[in-house]
Amino acid sequence: MLLACLSAFLPAAALADETVQKISFQPQVKGLNCLKPETRSMITELVAKIGPIQITSTCGGRHARHSQHYLGRAIDFRPLATSSRKAAAAARSLAAVGGVGTYSNGLVHADVGAREAYWHGHKRSRYAAGHKRGRYARLARNGG
């Protein structure tokens, strides 16, 4: 009986260890402890679909004012075995994922927030895309 109980838990434990082995971190990322359980589950599902990832941002760092990162509900990552486009598509297919974005530098954002949001483009900063276009238009009009 005890052996049957233990064998029922072994595959889940092995999956967790296998998932951890497929995750690397950039030096500024201190681990997954700040993330909500649903975010960690999303990471497990994502790694099972796309393979190894390098997490570049979790809860710390600089993000938008009301970012899901600060709530422990988002990660930024670099897929290591597939393209960022395919990784974003895989993330969007997960039921728990609310927002997915891709950046021009190859990073992907995935969060478990309630609002569905998708984007592609430059790494978002404190300037919105509309402001960037306006700035470029001003530079063109002013000759520089």
C-alpha atoms as a PDB file:
ATOM      1  CA  MET A   1       0.000   0.000   0.000  1.00  0.00           C
ATOM      2  CA  LEU A   2       2.755   2.425   0.944  1.00  0.00           C
ATOM      3  CA  LEU A   3       4.628   1.638  -2.281  1.00  0.00           C
ATOM      4  CA  ALA A   4       1.489   2.381  -4.326  1.00  0.00           C
ATOM      5  CA  CYS A   5       1.081   5.750  -2.587  1.00  0.00           C
ATOM      6  CA  LEU A   6       4.716   6.668  -3.161  1.00  0.00           C
ATOM      7  CA  SER A   7       4.659   5.694  -6.829  1.00  0.00           C
ATOM      8  CA  ALA A   8       1.612   7.898  -7.364  1.00  0.00           C
ATOM      9  CA  PHE A   9       3.621  10.946  -6.212  1.00  0.00           C
ATOM     10  CA  LEU A  10       6.885  10.134  -7.993  1.00  0.00           C
ATOM     11  CA  PRO A  11       5.867  11.250 -11.496  1.00  0.00           C
ATOM     12  CA  ALA A  12       4.762  14.655 -10.176  1.00  0.00           C
ATOM     13  CA  ALA A  13       8.008  15.071  -8.265  1.00  0.00           C
ATOM     14  CA  ALA A  14      10.019  13.991 -11.309  1.00  0.00           C
ATOM     15  CA  LEU A  15       8.146  16.494 -13.487  1.00  0.00           C
ATOM     16  CA  ALA A  16       8.895  19.265 -11.002  1.00  0.00           C
ATOM     17  CA  ASP A  17      12.612  18.379 -10.963  1.00  0.00           C
ATOM     18  CA  GLU A  18      12.677  18.102 -14.749  1.00  0.00           C
ATOM     19  CA  THR A  19      11.042  21.518 -15.068  1.00  0.00           C
ATOM     20  CA  VAL A  20      13.541  23.115 -12.680  1.00  0.00           C
ATOM     21  CA  GLN A  21      16.409  21.688 -14.723  1.00  0.00           C
ATOM     22  CA  LYS A  22      15.005  23.401 -17.838  1.00  0.00           C
ATOM     23  CA  ILE A  23      14.950  26.856 -16.252  1.00  0.00           C
ATOM     24  CA  SER A  24      17.925  29.168 -16.028  1.00  0.00           C
ATOM     25  CA  PHE A  25      18.016  32.675 -14.635  1.00  0.00           C
ATOM     26  CA  GLN A  26      19.785  35.878 -15.526  1.00  0.00           C
ATOM     27  CA  PRO A  27      21.945  37.047 -12.593  1.00  0.00           C
ATOM     28  CA  GLN A  28      19.521  39.744 -11.417  1.00  0.00           C
ATOM     29  CA  VAL A  29      16.717  37.169 -10.967  1.00  0.00           C
ATOM     30  CA  LYS A  30      16.855  35.623  -7.510  1.00  0.00           C
ATOM     31  CA  GLY A  31      14.503  32.698  -8.180  1.00  0.00           C
ATOM     32  CA  LEU A  32      10.804  31.931  -8.219  1.00  0.00           C
ATOM     33  CA  ASN A  33       9.980  32.448  -4.533  1.00  0.00           C
ATOM     34  CA  CYS A  34       8.241  35.797  -5.097  1.00  0.00           C
ATOM     35  CA  LEU A  35       5.830  34.323  -7.665  1.00  0.00           C
ATOM     36  CA  LYS A  36       2.257  33.247  -6.966  1.00  0.00           C
ATOM     37  CA  PRO A  37       1.523  29.494  -7.180  1.00  0.00           C
ATOM     38  CA  GLU A  38      -0.536  30.010 -10.352  1.00  0.00           C
ATOM     39  CA  THR A  39       2.462  31.727 -11.995  1.00  0.00           C
ATOM     40  CA  ARG A  40       4.715  28.806 -11.085  1.00  0.00           C
ATOM     41  CA  SER A  41       2.138  26.408 -12.542  1.00  0.00           C
ATOM     42  CA  MET A  42       2.100  28.465 -15.744  1.00  0.00           C
ATOM     43  CA  ILE A  43       5.895  28.152 -15.953  1.00  0.00           C
ATOM     44  CA  THR A  44       5.670  24.369 -15.537  1.00  0.00           C
ATOM     45  CA  GLU A  45       3.089  24.117 -18.349  1.00  0.00           C
ATOM     46  CA  LEU A  46       5.071  26.462 -20.566  1.00  0.00           C
ATOM     47  CA  VAL A  47       8.342  24.566 -20.149  1.00  0.00           C
ATOM     48  CA  ALA A  48       6.515  21.293 -20.914  1.00  0.00           C
ATOM     49  CA  LYS A  49       5.316  22.832 -24.210  1.00  0.00           C
ATOM     50  CA  ILE A  50       8.379  24.737 -25.435  1.00  0.00           C
ATOM     51  CA  GLY A  51      11.388  23.324 -23.593  1.00  0.00           C
ATOM     52  CA  PRO A  52      14.047  25.223 -21.673  1.00  0.00           C
ATOM     53  CA  ILE A  53      13.730  28.926 -20.893  1.00  0.00           C
ATOM     54  CA  GLN A  54      15.894  31.601 -19.341  1.00  0.00           C
ATOM     55  CA  ILE A  55      13.915  33.810 -16.968  1.00  0.00           C
ATOM     56  CA  THR A  56      15.040  37.413 -17.220  1.00  0.00           C
ATOM     57  CA  SER A  57      12.545  39.104 -14.884  1.00  0.00           C
ATOM     58  CA  THR A  58      10.127  38.138 -12.122  1.00  0.00           C
ATOM     59  CA  CYS A  59       9.037  40.474  -9.296  1.00  0.00           C
ATOM     60  CA  GLY A  60      12.021  42.791  -9.016  1.00  0.00           C
ATOM     61  CA  GLY A  61      13.355  45.375 -11.383  1.00  0.00           C
ATOM     62  CA  ARG A  62      11.660  48.231 -13.179  1.00  0.00           C
ATOM     63  CA  HIS A  63       8.271  47.663 -14.759  1.00  0.00           C
ATOM     64  CA  ALA A  64       5.185  49.667 -15.619  1.00  0.00           C
ATOM     65  CA  ARG A  65       3.447  51.233 -12.620  1.00  0.00           C
ATOM     66  CA  HIS A  66       0.678  48.621 -12.294  1.00  0.00           C
ATOM     67  CA  SER A  67       2.643  45.684 -13.699  1.00  0.00           C
ATOM     68  CA  GLN A  68       1.668  42.089 -12.980  1.00  0.00           C
ATOM     69  CA  HIS A  69       5.369  41.561 -12.163  1.00  0.00           C
ATOM     70  CA  TYR A  70       4.971  43.465  -8.872  1.00  0.00           C
ATOM     71  CA  LEU A  71       2.089  41.159  -7.917  1.00  0.00           C
ATOM     72  CA  GLY A  72       4.097  37.976  -8.572  1.00  0.00           C
ATOM     73  CA  ARG A  73       1.918  37.166 -11.579  1.00  0.00           C
ATOM     74  CA  ALA A  74       4.333  37.691 -14.493  1.00  0.00           C
ATOM     75  CA  ILE A  75       7.680  36.654 -15.916  1.00  0.00           C
ATOM     76  CA  ASP A  76       9.794  37.760 -18.832  1.00  0.00           C
ATOM     77  CA  PHE A  77      11.784  34.982 -20.429  1.00  0.00           C
ATOM     78  CA  ARG A  78      13.927  33.993 -23.377  1.00  0.00           C
ATOM     79  CA  PRO A  79      12.963  30.686 -25.029  1.00  0.00           C
ATOM     80  CA  LEU A  80      16.076  28.561 -25.578  1.00  0.00           C
ATOM     81  CA  ALA A  81      14.720  25.843 -27.882  1.00  0.00           C
ATOM     82  CA  THR A  82      12.257  27.746 -30.066  1.00  0.00           C
ATOM     83  CA  SER A  83      11.533  31.203 -31.446  1.00  0.00           C
ATOM     84  CA  SER A  84       9.932  33.931 -29.375  1.00  0.00           C
ATOM     85  CA  ARG A  85       6.968  33.895 -31.777  1.00  0.00           C
ATOM     86  CA  LYS A  86       6.332  30.181 -31.177  1.00  0.00           C
ATOM     87  CA  ALA A  87       6.870  30.601 -27.434  1.00  0.00           C
ATOM     88  CA  ALA A  88       4.310  33.433 -27.348  1.00  0.00           C
ATOM     89  CA  ALA A  89       1.800  31.296 -29.266  1.00  0.00           C
ATOM     90  CA  ALA A  90       2.334  28.447 -26.808  1.00  0.00           C
ATOM     91  CA  ALA A  91       1.859  30.828 -23.866  1.00  0.00           C
ATOM     92  CA  ARG A  92      -1.372  32.200 -25.367  1.00  0.00           C
ATOM     93  CA  SER A  93      -2.696  28.635 -25.648  1.00  0.00           C
ATOM     94  CA  LEU A  94      -2.440  28.098 -21.883  1.00  0.00           C
ATOM     95  CA  ALA A  95      -5.729  28.587 -20.037  1.00  0.00           C
ATOM     96  CA  ALA A  96      -4.147  30.420 -17.101  1.00  0.00           C
ATOM     97  CA  VAL A  97      -2.348  33.039 -19.185  1.00  0.00           C
ATOM     98  CA  GLY A  98      -3.855  36.515 -19.327  1.00  0.00           C
ATOM     99  CA  GLY A  99      -1.215  38.592 -21.098  1.00  0.00           C
ATOM    100  CA  VAL A 100       1.514  37.712 -23.572  1.00  0.00           C
ATOM    101  CA  GLY A 101       3.905  40.071 -25.248  1.00  0.00           C
ATOM    102  CA  THR A 102       6.984  39.753 -27.380  1.00  0.00           C
ATOM    103  CA  TYR A 103       9.786  42.263 -27.571  1.00  0.00           C
ATOM    104  CA  SER A 104      12.157  43.067 -30.406  1.00  0.00           C
ATOM    105  CA  ASN A 105      15.092  41.759 -28.329  1.00  0.00           C
ATOM    106  CA  GLY A 106      13.665  38.195 -28.340  1.00  0.00           C
ATOM    107  CA  LEU A 107      12.123  38.253 -24.865  1.00  0.00           C
ATOM    108  CA  VAL A 108       8.587  37.095 -24.129  1.00  0.00           C
ATOM    109  CA  HIS A 109       6.313  38.355 -21.344  1.00  0.00           C
ATOM    110  CA  ALA A 110       3.668  36.030 -19.896  1.00  0.00           C
ATOM    111  CA  ASP A 111       1.343  36.765 -17.010  1.00  0.00           C
ATOM    112  CA  VAL A 112      -1.605  35.188 -15.234  1.00  0.00           C
ATOM    113  CA  GLY A 113      -3.486  38.457 -14.838  1.00  0.00           C
ATOM    114  CA  ALA A 114      -7.235  38.648 -15.359  1.00  0.00           C
ATOM    115  CA  ARG A 115      -7.033  40.885 -18.436  1.00  0.00           C
ATOM    116  CA  GLU A 116      -6.116  39.393 -21.801  1.00  0.00           C
ATOM    117  CA  ALA A 117      -3.502  41.546 -23.491  1.00  0.00           C
ATOM    118  CA  TYR A 118      -1.204  40.783 -26.409  1.00  0.00           C
ATOM    119  CA  TRP A 119       1.496  42.906 -27.982  1.00  0.00           C
ATOM    120  CA  HIS A 120       4.580  42.743 -30.137  1.00  0.00           C
ATOM    121  CA  GLY A 121       7.174  45.384 -30.502  1.00  0.00           C
ATOM    122  CA  HIS A 122       9.815  47.278 -28.679  1.00  0.00           C
ATOM    123  CA  LYS A 123      10.493  46.643 -25.054  1.00  0.00           C
ATOM    124  CA  ARG A 124       7.865  48.716 -23.347  1.00  0.00           C
ATOM    125  CA  SER A 125       9.237  51.601 -21.376  1.00  0.00           C
ATOM    126  CA  ARG A 126       7.675  54.594 -19.717  1.00  0.00           C
ATOM    127  CA  TYR A 127       6.856  55.942 -23.175  1.00  0.00           C
ATOM    128  CA  ALA A 128       3.819  54.538 -24.937  1.00  0.00           C
ATOM    129  CA  ALA A 129       4.095  53.529 -28.598  1.00  0.00           C
ATOM    130  CA  GLY A 130       1.996  56.538 -29.637  1.00  0.00           C
ATOM    131  CA  HIS A 131       4.427  58.878 -27.933  1.00  0.00           C
ATOM    132  CA  LYS A 132       7.340  57.249 -29.720  1.00  0.00           C
ATOM    133  CA  ARG A 133       5.705  57.785 -33.102  1.00  0.00           C
ATOM    134  CA  GLY A 134       5.006  61.391 -32.170  1.00  0.00           C
ATOM    135  CA  ARG A 135       8.624  61.903 -31.145  1.00  0.00           C
ATOM    136  CA  TYR A 136       9.901  60.420 -34.398  1.00  0.00           C
ATOM    137  CA  ALA A 137       7.463  62.545 -36.378  1.00  0.00           C
ATOM    138  CA  ARG A 138       8.719  65.675 -34.524  1.00  0.00           C
ATOM    139  CA  LEU A 139      12.320  64.740 -35.293  1.00  0.00           C
ATOM    140  CA  ALA A 140      11.512  64.273 -38.983  1.00  0.00           C
ATOM    141  CA  ARG A 141       9.704  67.639 -39.139  1.00  0.00           C
ATOM    142  CA  ASN A 142      12.594  69.368 -37.370  1.00  0.00           C
ATOM    143  CA  GLY A 143      15.169  67.802 -39.653  1.00  0.00           C
ATOM    144  CA  GLY A 144      16.813  65.514 -37.182  1.00  0.00           C
END
